[in-house]
C-alpha cells in the first residue's frame, strides 16, 4: 500500500520525461519536478535489477551528495522510479560540454574563446577539484565531456561521478577513466589517487590553455612520475599568478633587472673619482725642489717653494700629507721610490685584470650553457632556470673574491673587481635574454660617454 502511494505521488509530480543520452550502463533523462527542470540518472533496462550496478549507482549518489560546491552538479535525492527503476535526481544545467565549448568556440573571428574566459573556466575547475579533494573524493574520470559550461555566465559544473571514489568505499576501486585523459598509473589495476585527477586536469589544460605561457604548469601536471605532480593548490596559485597576464610578470622582472643595473652602475661611477685620485697618488712624481709645508694657525697648510725668491707657484701634489704636529715638515718620496711603487701597482693591476677576465670567461660559459631565458614565454620554467643560473654566478664571484683575497689584494681592489665581474654578468645575461636595449639605455644615462654596446666593453 505504501509503495503504491509513493508511486502515485511520483507520477503526479512528473510532467513528462525526455531521454537526453544513453551509455552502455547509464541513461540520463530530463524531467520537471516541483515546477523546475531536473535530471534523472539511472540504469539501462537490463541492469535495473542488477545488485552490483544498483550499488554502483548508490555509491555515485553517496559521493555526490557530500559535495556542496557551486562547481559540481548538485544531487537532490535517490529513489525508486516506477518506470525508470533506481535513479538519482540531480540539478539541470543549461549549457554545453567543455568539449563542445572548445570545439565550436564562442567567437566568429577566433579559433578559441577569449583567453580571459578560458582562464576563468580553468580556475573554476581547479577550485572545484580542490573542494573535492579536501572532501576526500577523487573523480577519476575528468575529461571535457564531464565538464559542463553554463550558457548564461560560462560557469563550470563537473558531472558524472560514476567512477569517483573515496577511502571509505571498498567497491569499484579498479582502474578506470578515459584513456586519453587517464594517468599512466590508471591504465593498470591500481587504487586511485589525487595525482590521477591532476594528470587528467593537465590534459584538459592542454586544450583549454594552449598558450606557451601555461606550458610549465601543464608539464608539471602531466608528469609521468605521479610523485612529481603538484597538488591542486599549487596549480591554483600558479594559474592565479598567470591571471594578471605576462605584462605584470614582465614588469616585475624588468624592475628587478633595472634596479640591479642601476645599483652596479651607480656604485661604479660614484667611486670613479676616488679611484682616479688613488691612481694619481701612486704614479711617479717628478720633484724639482723640496716643498715646504707650513702649518697655519687654523690647521690649514700653506705650500710654497723652498726658494722664496722665485715667483713661480708650484701646485700642491695630490695626496701629499700634511704634518699635524707643530711646524714639522713633510717630504714626498724620492723619485726612485715613487717609480718602484708605480711599477708595483701596474703589475698588481695587470694580475687583477687577468683574474677578472678569467672569471668573466667562466661567466660567459655559464650564460652560453643556459642560453636565452625569455621573460615572456615558458615563464615558470625560465624563472627556475634563472635562479639556478644566478646561483652559479654567485658561486663564481665568491671563488674570484677568495682567489684575490688569498693573493693579499686589499678590500678596495677586490670590490672593484667584484663590480666589474657583476656588471659584465648583468649586461651579458640581459643581452642573451633579449633585454639588451634596456641595458644600453641605462648605460647611456649613467656613463660619461656613449658606448657601443653592453658587456665588458664598458671597461675599455
Protein backbone atom coordinates (compact mmCIF):
# COMPACT_ATOMS: atom_id res chain seq x y z
CA UNK A 1 0.00 0.00 0.00
CA UNK A 2 2.77 2.39 0.97
CA UNK A 3 4.61 1.59 -2.22
CA UNK A 4 1.60 2.40 -4.39
CA UNK A 5 1.19 5.77 -2.67
CA UNK A 6 4.81 6.66 -3.36
CA UNK A 7 4.39 5.68 -7.00
CA UNK A 8 1.21 7.73 -7.31
CA UNK A 9 2.96 10.75 -5.77
CA UNK A 10 5.88 10.42 -8.16
CA UNK A 11 3.60 10.07 -11.15
CA UNK A 12 1.58 13.09 -10.14
CA UNK A 13 4.77 15.18 -9.91
CA UNK A 14 6.07 14.21 -13.31
CA UNK A 15 5.39 16.42 -16.28
CA UNK A 16 6.94 14.32 -18.99
CA UNK A 17 10.29 12.56 -19.27
CA UNK A 18 12.76 13.10 -22.11
CA UNK A 19 15.79 10.90 -22.65
CA UNK A 20 18.92 13.04 -23.04
CA UNK A 21 21.67 10.46 -23.55
CA UNK A 22 22.40 6.77 -23.17
CA UNK A 23 25.60 4.88 -22.49
CA UNK A 24 26.40 1.18 -22.06
CA UNK A 25 25.15 1.09 -18.47
CA UNK A 26 23.66 4.52 -17.70
CA UNK A 27 20.78 6.59 -19.04
CA UNK A 28 20.11 10.28 -18.39
CA UNK A 29 16.63 11.83 -18.64
CA UNK A 30 15.25 15.37 -18.39
CA UNK A 31 12.08 15.89 -16.36
CA UNK A 32 10.18 18.54 -14.40
CA UNK A 33 9.58 18.35 -10.67
CA UNK A 34 8.03 20.99 -8.42
CA UNK A 35 7.97 23.39 -11.34
CA UNK A 36 11.64 23.16 -12.19
CA UNK A 37 13.65 21.06 -14.56
CA UNK A 38 15.73 18.25 -13.07
CA UNK A 39 17.86 15.43 -14.40
CA UNK A 40 17.38 11.75 -13.65
CA UNK A 41 20.26 9.33 -13.94
CA UNK A 42 19.58 5.61 -13.83
CA UNK A 43 20.41 2.24 -15.33
CA UNK A 44 19.66 0.67 -18.70
CA UNK A 45 16.67 -1.66 -18.78
CA UNK A 46 18.68 -4.89 -18.47
CA UNK A 47 20.59 -3.67 -15.39
CA UNK A 48 17.82 -2.14 -13.29
CA UNK A 49 17.66 -5.24 -11.06
CA UNK A 50 21.41 -5.96 -11.04
CA UNK A 51 22.64 -5.69 -7.40
CA UNK A 52 26.19 -4.56 -8.24
CA UNK A 53 25.04 -1.87 -10.67
CA UNK A 54 22.50 -0.58 -8.18
CA UNK A 55 25.29 -0.46 -5.57
CA UNK A 56 27.47 1.46 -8.04
CA UNK A 57 24.67 3.97 -8.62
CA UNK A 58 24.20 4.39 -4.87
CA UNK A 59 27.93 4.92 -4.46
CA UNK A 60 27.87 7.71 -7.05
CA UNK A 61 24.98 9.37 -5.23
CA UNK A 62 26.64 8.98 -1.82
CA UNK A 63 29.77 10.71 -3.08
CA UNK A 64 27.95 13.45 -4.96
CA UNK A 65 25.65 14.39 -2.08
CA UNK A 66 28.73 15.13 0.09
CA UNK A 67 29.81 17.96 -2.20
CA UNK A 68 28.21 21.32 -1.56
CA UNK A 69 30.09 23.12 -4.29
CA UNK A 70 28.98 25.61 -6.93
CA UNK A 71 31.30 23.99 -9.45
CA UNK A 72 29.84 20.47 -9.03
CA UNK A 73 26.38 19.40 -10.21
CA UNK A 74 24.04 19.16 -7.21
CA UNK A 75 22.43 15.89 -6.11
CA UNK A 76 18.87 16.17 -4.77
CA UNK A 77 17.90 12.57 -3.98
CA UNK A 78 17.93 8.84 -4.72
CA UNK A 79 14.71 6.88 -5.20
CA UNK A 80 12.94 4.06 -7.00
CA UNK A 81 11.05 5.37 -10.01
CA UNK A 82 8.04 3.28 -11.18
CA UNK A 83 9.09 3.32 -14.83
CA UNK A 84 12.84 4.04 -14.68
CA UNK A 85 13.91 1.94 -11.70
CA UNK A 86 16.53 3.26 -9.23
CA UNK A 87 17.51 6.84 -10.13
CA UNK A 88 19.41 9.83 -8.84
CA UNK A 89 17.73 13.22 -9.03
CA UNK A 90 20.20 15.95 -9.94
CA UNK A 91 20.47 19.59 -10.91
CA UNK A 92 19.73 20.54 -14.52
CA UNK A 93 22.41 22.68 -16.18
CA UNK A 94 21.53 24.73 -19.24
CA UNK A 95 24.88 24.57 -21.01
CA UNK A 96 27.17 22.53 -23.18
CA UNK A 97 30.12 20.29 -22.57
CA UNK A 98 33.61 21.73 -22.37
CA UNK A 99 34.41 19.67 -25.46
CA UNK A 100 31.72 21.50 -27.47
CA UNK A 101 32.74 24.83 -25.94
CA UNK A 102 36.29 24.42 -27.21
CA UNK A 103 35.31 22.81 -30.49
CA UNK A 104 32.76 25.41 -31.57
CA UNK A 105 34.27 28.48 -29.89
CA UNK A 106 32.19 31.49 -28.99
CA UNK A 107 33.71 33.98 -31.41
CA UNK A 108 33.44 34.13 -35.18
CA UNK A 109 36.93 35.56 -35.60
CA UNK A 110 38.90 33.22 -33.36
CA UNK A 111 39.60 29.51 -33.15
CA UNK A 112 39.26 29.57 -29.36
CA UNK A 113 37.12 31.60 -26.96
CA UNK A 114 38.77 34.63 -25.28
CA UNK A 115 41.74 33.83 -23.07
CA UNK A 116 40.22 35.53 -20.04
CA UNK A 117 37.14 33.35 -20.31
CA UNK A 118 39.17 30.17 -20.71
CA UNK A 119 41.39 31.10 -17.78
CA UNK A 120 38.31 31.68 -15.58
CA UNK A 121 36.94 28.27 -16.56
CA UNK A 122 40.30 26.67 -15.70
CA UNK A 123 40.28 28.37 -12.29
CA UNK A 124 36.69 27.22 -11.66
CA UNK A 125 37.56 23.61 -12.46
CA UNK A 126 40.66 23.74 -10.25
CA UNK A 127 38.69 25.30 -7.38
CA UNK A 128 36.04 22.58 -7.59
CA UNK A 129 38.75 19.92 -7.64
CA UNK A 130 40.24 21.44 -4.50
CA UNK A 131 36.88 21.11 -2.72
CA UNK A 132 36.52 17.51 -3.93
CA UNK A 133 39.99 16.54 -2.78
CA UNK A 134 39.53 18.25 0.59
CA UNK A 135 36.39 16.12 1.00
CA UNK A 136 38.46 13.02 0.27
CA UNK A 137 36.74 12.39 -3.08
CA UNK A 138 38.51 11.50 -6.33
CA UNK A 139 36.67 11.97 -9.61
CA UNK A 140 38.90 9.55 -11.60
CA UNK A 141 37.28 10.39 -14.95
CA UNK A 142 37.86 14.09 -15.56
CA UNK A 143 37.54 14.98 -19.23
CA UNK A 144 35.88 17.73 -21.32
CA UNK A 145 32.71 15.66 -21.77
CA UNK A 146 32.25 15.52 -17.97
CA UNK A 147 32.51 19.28 -17.51
CA UNK A 148 29.56 21.50 -18.41
CA UNK A 149 29.84 25.21 -19.20
CA UNK A 150 26.70 27.14 -18.31
CA UNK A 151 25.44 29.31 -21.17
CA UNK A 152 24.42 32.39 -19.21
CA UNK A 153 27.66 33.04 -17.35
CA UNK A 154 30.19 30.41 -18.55
CA UNK A 155 30.23 28.93 -15.07
CA UNK A 156 31.53 25.37 -14.74
CA UNK A 157 29.74 22.29 -13.46
CA UNK A 158 31.61 18.98 -13.04
CA UNK A 159 29.33 15.98 -13.67
CA UNK A 160 29.40 12.16 -13.82
CA UNK A 161 30.77 10.71 -10.59
CA UNK A 162 30.21 7.18 -11.84
CA UNK A 163 33.90 6.35 -11.48
CA UNK A 164 34.50 8.51 -8.40
CA UNK A 165 35.95 7.02 -5.23
CA UNK A 166 36.72 7.73 -1.58
CA UNK A 167 38.68 5.95 1.11
CA UNK A 168 35.61 4.63 2.93
CA UNK A 169 34.35 2.67 -0.10
CA UNK A 170 35.61 -0.84 -0.81
CA UNK A 171 33.81 -1.47 -4.12
CA UNK A 172 34.69 -0.44 -7.67
CA UNK A 173 38.28 0.55 -6.95
CA UNK A 174 39.93 -0.87 -10.08
CA UNK A 175 41.49 1.19 -12.84
CA UNK A 176 39.02 3.45 -14.62
CA UNK A 177 38.94 6.60 -16.66
CA UNK A 178 39.19 7.54 -20.31
CA UNK A 179 42.49 6.51 -21.89
CA UNK A 180 43.16 9.92 -23.46
CA UNK A 181 42.82 11.74 -20.14
CA UNK A 182 43.62 8.99 -17.63
CA UNK A 183 47.01 8.98 -15.96
CA UNK A 184 49.57 6.25 -16.79
CA UNK A 185 49.01 4.52 -13.44
CA UNK A 186 45.27 4.32 -14.18
CA UNK A 187 45.93 2.14 -17.22
CA UNK A 188 46.80 -0.79 -14.95
CA UNK A 189 44.96 -2.11 -11.87
CA UNK A 190 45.62 0.35 -9.06
CA UNK A 191 43.91 2.41 -6.38
CA UNK A 192 43.15 5.95 -7.49
CA UNK A 193 44.96 8.99 -6.11
CA UNK A 194 44.71 12.77 -6.28
CA UNK A 195 47.66 12.73 -8.64
CA UNK A 196 45.49 10.91 -11.19
CA UNK A 197 42.96 13.77 -11.17
CA UNK A 198 45.82 16.28 -11.51
CA UNK A 199 47.07 14.43 -14.60
CA UNK A 200 43.60 14.49 -16.18
CA UNK A 201 43.28 18.19 -15.41
CA UNK A 202 46.67 18.81 -17.05
CA UNK A 203 45.43 17.09 -20.23
CA UNK A 204 42.33 19.31 -20.13
CA UNK A 205 44.51 22.41 -19.70
CA UNK A 206 46.41 21.45 -22.83
CA UNK A 207 43.20 22.14 -24.75
CA UNK A 208 41.91 24.99 -22.61
CA UNK A 209 45.15 26.97 -22.35
CA UNK A 210 47.43 26.03 -25.26
CA UNK A 211 49.42 29.29 -24.94
CA UNK A 212 53.12 28.76 -24.21
CA UNK A 213 52.97 30.79 -21.00
CA UNK A 214 50.98 27.96 -19.36
CA UNK A 215 53.23 25.14 -20.59
CA UNK A 216 55.20 24.84 -17.34
CA UNK A 217 52.02 24.34 -15.31
CA UNK A 218 50.72 21.74 -17.76
CA UNK A 219 54.02 19.85 -17.89
CA UNK A 220 54.07 19.65 -14.10
CA UNK A 221 50.53 18.22 -14.06
CA UNK A 222 51.12 15.57 -16.71
CA UNK A 223 54.43 14.30 -15.39
CA UNK A 224 54.71 10.54 -15.93
CA UNK A 225 56.03 10.21 -12.38
CA UNK A 226 52.97 10.81 -10.20
CA UNK A 227 55.17 11.74 -7.22
CA UNK A 228 56.38 14.80 -9.15
CA UNK A 229 52.90 16.13 -9.92
CA UNK A 230 51.86 19.14 -7.83
CA UNK A 231 48.75 19.28 -5.68
CA UNK A 232 45.74 21.26 -6.85
CA UNK A 233 46.55 24.23 -4.57
CA UNK A 234 49.88 24.69 -6.37
CA UNK A 235 48.05 24.65 -9.70
CA UNK A 236 45.51 27.21 -8.46
CA UNK A 237 48.25 29.51 -7.21
CA UNK A 238 50.17 29.43 -10.49
CA UNK A 239 47.05 29.86 -12.59
CA UNK A 240 46.14 32.81 -10.37
CA UNK A 241 49.60 34.33 -10.91
CA UNK A 242 49.13 33.94 -14.65
CA UNK A 243 45.76 35.65 -14.47
CA UNK A 244 47.46 39.03 -14.25
CA UNK A 245 49.00 38.41 -17.68
CA UNK A 246 52.54 38.40 -18.96
CA UNK A 247 52.88 42.17 -18.62
CA UNK A 248 52.65 42.03 -14.81
CA UNK A 249 55.28 39.33 -14.60
CA UNK A 250 57.48 41.02 -17.17
CA UNK A 251 57.36 44.37 -15.38
CA UNK A 252 58.27 42.79 -12.07
CA UNK A 253 61.23 41.00 -13.60
CA UNK A 254 62.14 44.13 -15.54
CA UNK A 255 62.10 46.18 -12.36
CA UNK A 256 64.47 43.71 -10.67
CA UNK A 257 66.83 43.87 -13.65
CA UNK A 258 66.63 47.67 -13.76
CA UNK A 259 67.41 48.05 -10.06
CA UNK A 260 70.36 45.66 -10.37
CA UNK A 261 71.81 47.61 -13.28
CA UNK A 262 71.31 50.97 -11.58
CA UNK A 263 72.95 49.70 -8.38
CA UNK A 264 76.01 48.36 -10.23
CA UNK A 265 76.48 51.40 -12.40
CA UNK A 266 75.83 53.89 -9.59
CA UNK A 267 78.39 52.19 -7.39
CA UNK A 268 80.95 52.11 -10.17
CA UNK A 269 80.66 55.72 -11.27
CA UNK A 270 80.33 57.08 -7.73
CA UNK A 271 83.73 55.53 -6.97
CA UNK A 272 85.35 56.60 -10.25
CA UNK A 273 86.86 59.85 -8.92
CA UNK A 274 88.15 58.21 -5.75
CA UNK A 275 89.88 55.52 -7.79
CA UNK A 276 91.38 58.17 -10.08
CA UNK A 277 92.82 60.01 -7.08
CA UNK A 278 94.26 56.77 -5.76
CA UNK A 279 95.92 56.02 -9.11
CA UNK A 280 97.38 59.54 -9.42
CA UNK A 281 98.89 59.29 -5.95
CA UNK A 282 100.68 56.10 -6.91
CA UNK A 283 102.19 57.42 -10.16
CA UNK A 284 105.75 58.62 -10.50
CA UNK A 285 106.05 62.19 -9.24
CA UNK A 286 108.92 64.30 -10.57
CA UNK A 287 110.16 66.66 -7.87
CA UNK A 288 112.31 69.64 -8.91
CA UNK A 289 112.53 71.03 -5.42
CA UNK A 290 111.56 70.18 -1.89
CA UNK A 291 108.23 71.67 -0.98
CA UNK A 292 107.83 73.30 2.33
CA UNK A 293 104.58 72.71 4.16
CA UNK A 294 103.78 75.31 6.69
CA UNK A 295 101.09 74.61 9.23
CA UNK A 296 98.88 77.64 9.66
CA UNK A 297 97.32 78.67 12.88
CA UNK A 298 93.89 77.42 11.76
CA UNK A 299 95.27 73.97 10.95
CA UNK A 300 95.45 74.52 7.15
CA UNK A 301 98.64 74.01 5.14
CA UNK A 302 100.45 76.65 3.06
CA UNK A 303 102.55 75.08 0.32
CA UNK A 304 105.33 77.08 -1.33
CA UNK A 305 108.81 76.81 -2.85
CA UNK A 306 111.80 76.31 -0.62
CA UNK A 307 113.45 79.11 -2.54
CA UNK A 308 111.21 82.06 -1.64
CA UNK A 309 112.96 84.22 -4.13
CA UNK A 310 111.26 82.64 -7.16
CA UNK A 311 107.83 83.84 -8.24
CA UNK A 312 106.72 80.57 -9.89
CA UNK A 313 103.91 78.85 -7.99
CA UNK A 314 104.30 75.11 -7.52
CA UNK A 315 100.92 73.38 -7.06
CA UNK A 316 100.35 71.14 -4.09
CA UNK A 317 100.89 67.48 -5.17
CA UNK A 318 97.72 65.41 -4.94
CA UNK A 319 97.93 63.06 -1.98
CA UNK A 320 100.70 64.96 -0.16
CA UNK A 321 100.39 64.51 3.58
CA UNK A 322 100.29 67.44 5.97
CA UNK A 323 102.23 67.36 9.21
CA UNK A 324 99.97 67.51 12.25
CA UNK A 325 102.49 68.36 14.95
CA UNK A 326 103.78 71.96 15.23
CA UNK A 327 105.67 73.32 12.21
CA UNK A 328 107.02 69.91 11.21
CA UNK A 329 107.97 69.44 7.55
CA UNK A 330 106.76 66.59 5.32
CA UNK A 331 108.79 65.32 2.44
CA UNK A 332 107.50 63.47 -0.65
CA UNK A 333 109.02 60.09 -1.51
CA UNK A 334 112.08 60.19 -3.65
CA UNK A 335 111.73 59.82 -7.42
CA UNK A 336 113.20 56.32 -7.29
CA UNK A 337 110.78 55.14 -4.58
CA UNK A 338 107.79 56.61 -6.46
CA UNK A 339 108.88 54.83 -9.65
CA UNK A 340 109.10 51.48 -7.83
CA UNK A 341 105.63 51.95 -6.31
CA UNK A 342 104.13 52.81 -9.70
CA UNK A 343 105.66 49.71 -11.29
CA UNK A 344 104.40 47.52 -8.45
CA UNK A 345 100.88 48.94 -8.77
CA UNK A 346 100.91 48.43 -12.52
CA UNK A 347 101.93 44.78 -12.18
CA UNK A 348 99.36 44.23 -9.45
CA UNK A 349 96.63 45.77 -11.59
CA UNK A 350 97.55 43.53 -14.53
CA UNK A 351 97.31 40.47 -12.32
CA UNK A 352 93.88 41.54 -11.03
CA UNK A 353 92.66 42.26 -14.57
CA UNK A 354 93.83 38.82 -15.73
CA UNK A 355 91.94 37.15 -12.88
CA UNK A 356 88.77 39.16 -13.59
CA UNK A 357 88.99 38.31 -17.28
CA UNK A 358 89.30 34.62 -16.40
CA UNK A 359 86.12 34.70 -14.34
CA UNK A 360 84.31 36.75 -16.99
CA UNK A 361 85.03 33.95 -19.46
CA UNK A 362 83.63 31.43 -16.97
CA UNK A 363 80.52 33.59 -16.55
CA UNK A 364 80.09 33.63 -20.32
CA UNK A 365 80.34 29.83 -20.35
CA UNK A 366 77.53 29.67 -17.78
CA UNK A 367 75.36 32.00 -19.87
CA UNK A 368 76.05 30.04 -23.05
CA UNK A 369 75.12 26.82 -21.30
CA UNK A 370 71.72 28.16 -20.23
CA UNK A 371 71.04 30.14 -23.40
CA UNK A 372 68.14 32.58 -23.71
CA UNK A 373 65.64 32.58 -20.83
CA UNK A 374 62.70 34.57 -22.12
CA UNK A 375 60.63 36.81 -19.87
CA UNK A 376 57.50 36.22 -21.97
CA UNK A 377 57.50 32.53 -22.90
CA UNK A 378 57.56 29.46 -20.66
CA UNK A 379 57.73 31.81 -17.68
CA UNK A 380 57.67 29.37 -14.77
CA UNK A 381 60.39 27.08 -16.13
CA UNK A 382 62.57 30.02 -17.16
CA UNK A 383 62.21 31.51 -13.67
CA UNK A 384 63.56 28.28 -12.20
CA UNK A 385 66.43 28.28 -14.69
CA UNK A 386 67.19 31.93 -13.89
CA UNK A 387 67.51 31.07 -10.20
CA UNK A 388 69.87 28.19 -10.97
CA UNK A 389 71.92 30.39 -13.31
CA UNK A 390 72.09 33.13 -10.68
CA UNK A 391 73.34 30.69 -8.04
CA UNK A 392 76.15 29.64 -10.38
CA UNK A 393 77.07 33.28 -10.99
CA UNK A 394 77.20 33.99 -7.26
CA UNK A 395 79.33 30.92 -6.62
CA UNK A 396 81.66 32.11 -9.39
CA UNK A 397 82.05 35.60 -7.90
CA UNK A 398 82.70 34.09 -4.45
CA UNK A 399 85.52 31.99 -5.91
CA UNK A 400 87.05 35.04 -7.57
CA UNK A 401 86.92 37.08 -4.38
CA UNK A 402 88.57 34.25 -2.43
CA UNK A 403 91.34 33.96 -5.01
CA UNK A 404 92.04 37.69 -4.80
CA UNK A 405 91.95 37.60 -1.01
CA UNK A 406 94.43 34.70 -0.92
CA UNK A 407 96.79 36.84 -3.04
CA UNK A 408 96.64 39.61 -0.43
CA UNK A 409 94.64 42.04 -2.62
CA UNK A 410 93.18 44.83 -0.49
CA UNK A 411 89.42 45.15 0.01
CA UNK A 412 89.06 48.22 -2.23
CA UNK A 413 90.57 46.46 -5.26
CA UNK A 414 88.60 43.29 -4.55
CA UNK A 415 85.40 45.32 -4.54
CA UNK A 416 86.37 46.94 -7.84
CA UNK A 417 86.99 43.51 -9.39
CA UNK A 418 83.68 42.22 -7.98
CA UNK A 419 81.82 45.16 -9.56
CA UNK A 420 83.50 44.60 -12.93
CA UNK A 421 82.55 40.93 -12.98
CA UNK A 422 78.94 41.54 -11.95
CA UNK A 423 78.40 44.44 -14.33
CA UNK A 424 79.55 42.17 -17.15
CA UNK A 425 77.27 39.36 -15.91
CA UNK A 426 74.24 41.68 -15.68
CA UNK A 427 74.71 43.15 -19.14
CA UNK A 428 75.51 39.85 -20.82
CA UNK A 429 72.65 37.88 -19.27
CA UNK A 430 70.19 40.59 -20.22
CA UNK A 431 71.60 40.76 -23.73
CA UNK A 432 71.17 37.00 -24.11
CA UNK A 433 67.67 37.12 -22.62
CA UNK A 434 66.68 39.82 -25.08
CA UNK A 435 66.65 42.94 -22.89
CA UNK A 436 69.92 44.49 -24.03
CA UNK A 437 68.12 47.61 -25.24
CA UNK A 438 67.29 48.41 -21.63
CA UNK A 439 70.93 47.89 -20.69
CA UNK A 440 72.09 50.26 -23.42
CA UNK A 441 69.63 52.91 -22.29
CA UNK A 442 70.83 52.75 -18.69
CA UNK A 443 74.46 52.74 -19.80
CA UNK A 444 73.88 55.86 -21.89
CA UNK A 445 72.22 57.66 -18.99
CA UNK A 446 74.90 56.83 -16.42
CA UNK A 447 78.15 56.81 -18.38
CA UNK A 448 80.23 59.84 -19.30
CA UNK A 449 80.26 58.96 -23.00
CA UNK A 450 78.23 56.75 -25.34
CA UNK A 451 79.26 53.12 -25.54
CA UNK A 452 78.79 50.78 -28.47
CA UNK A 453 77.04 48.07 -26.51
CA UNK A 454 76.66 46.16 -23.25
CA UNK A 455 79.07 43.81 -21.62
CA UNK A 456 82.78 44.03 -20.99
CA UNK A 457 83.19 46.92 -23.44
CA UNK A 458 82.28 49.26 -20.62
CA UNK A 459 85.69 48.60 -19.08
CA UNK A 460 87.71 49.50 -22.13
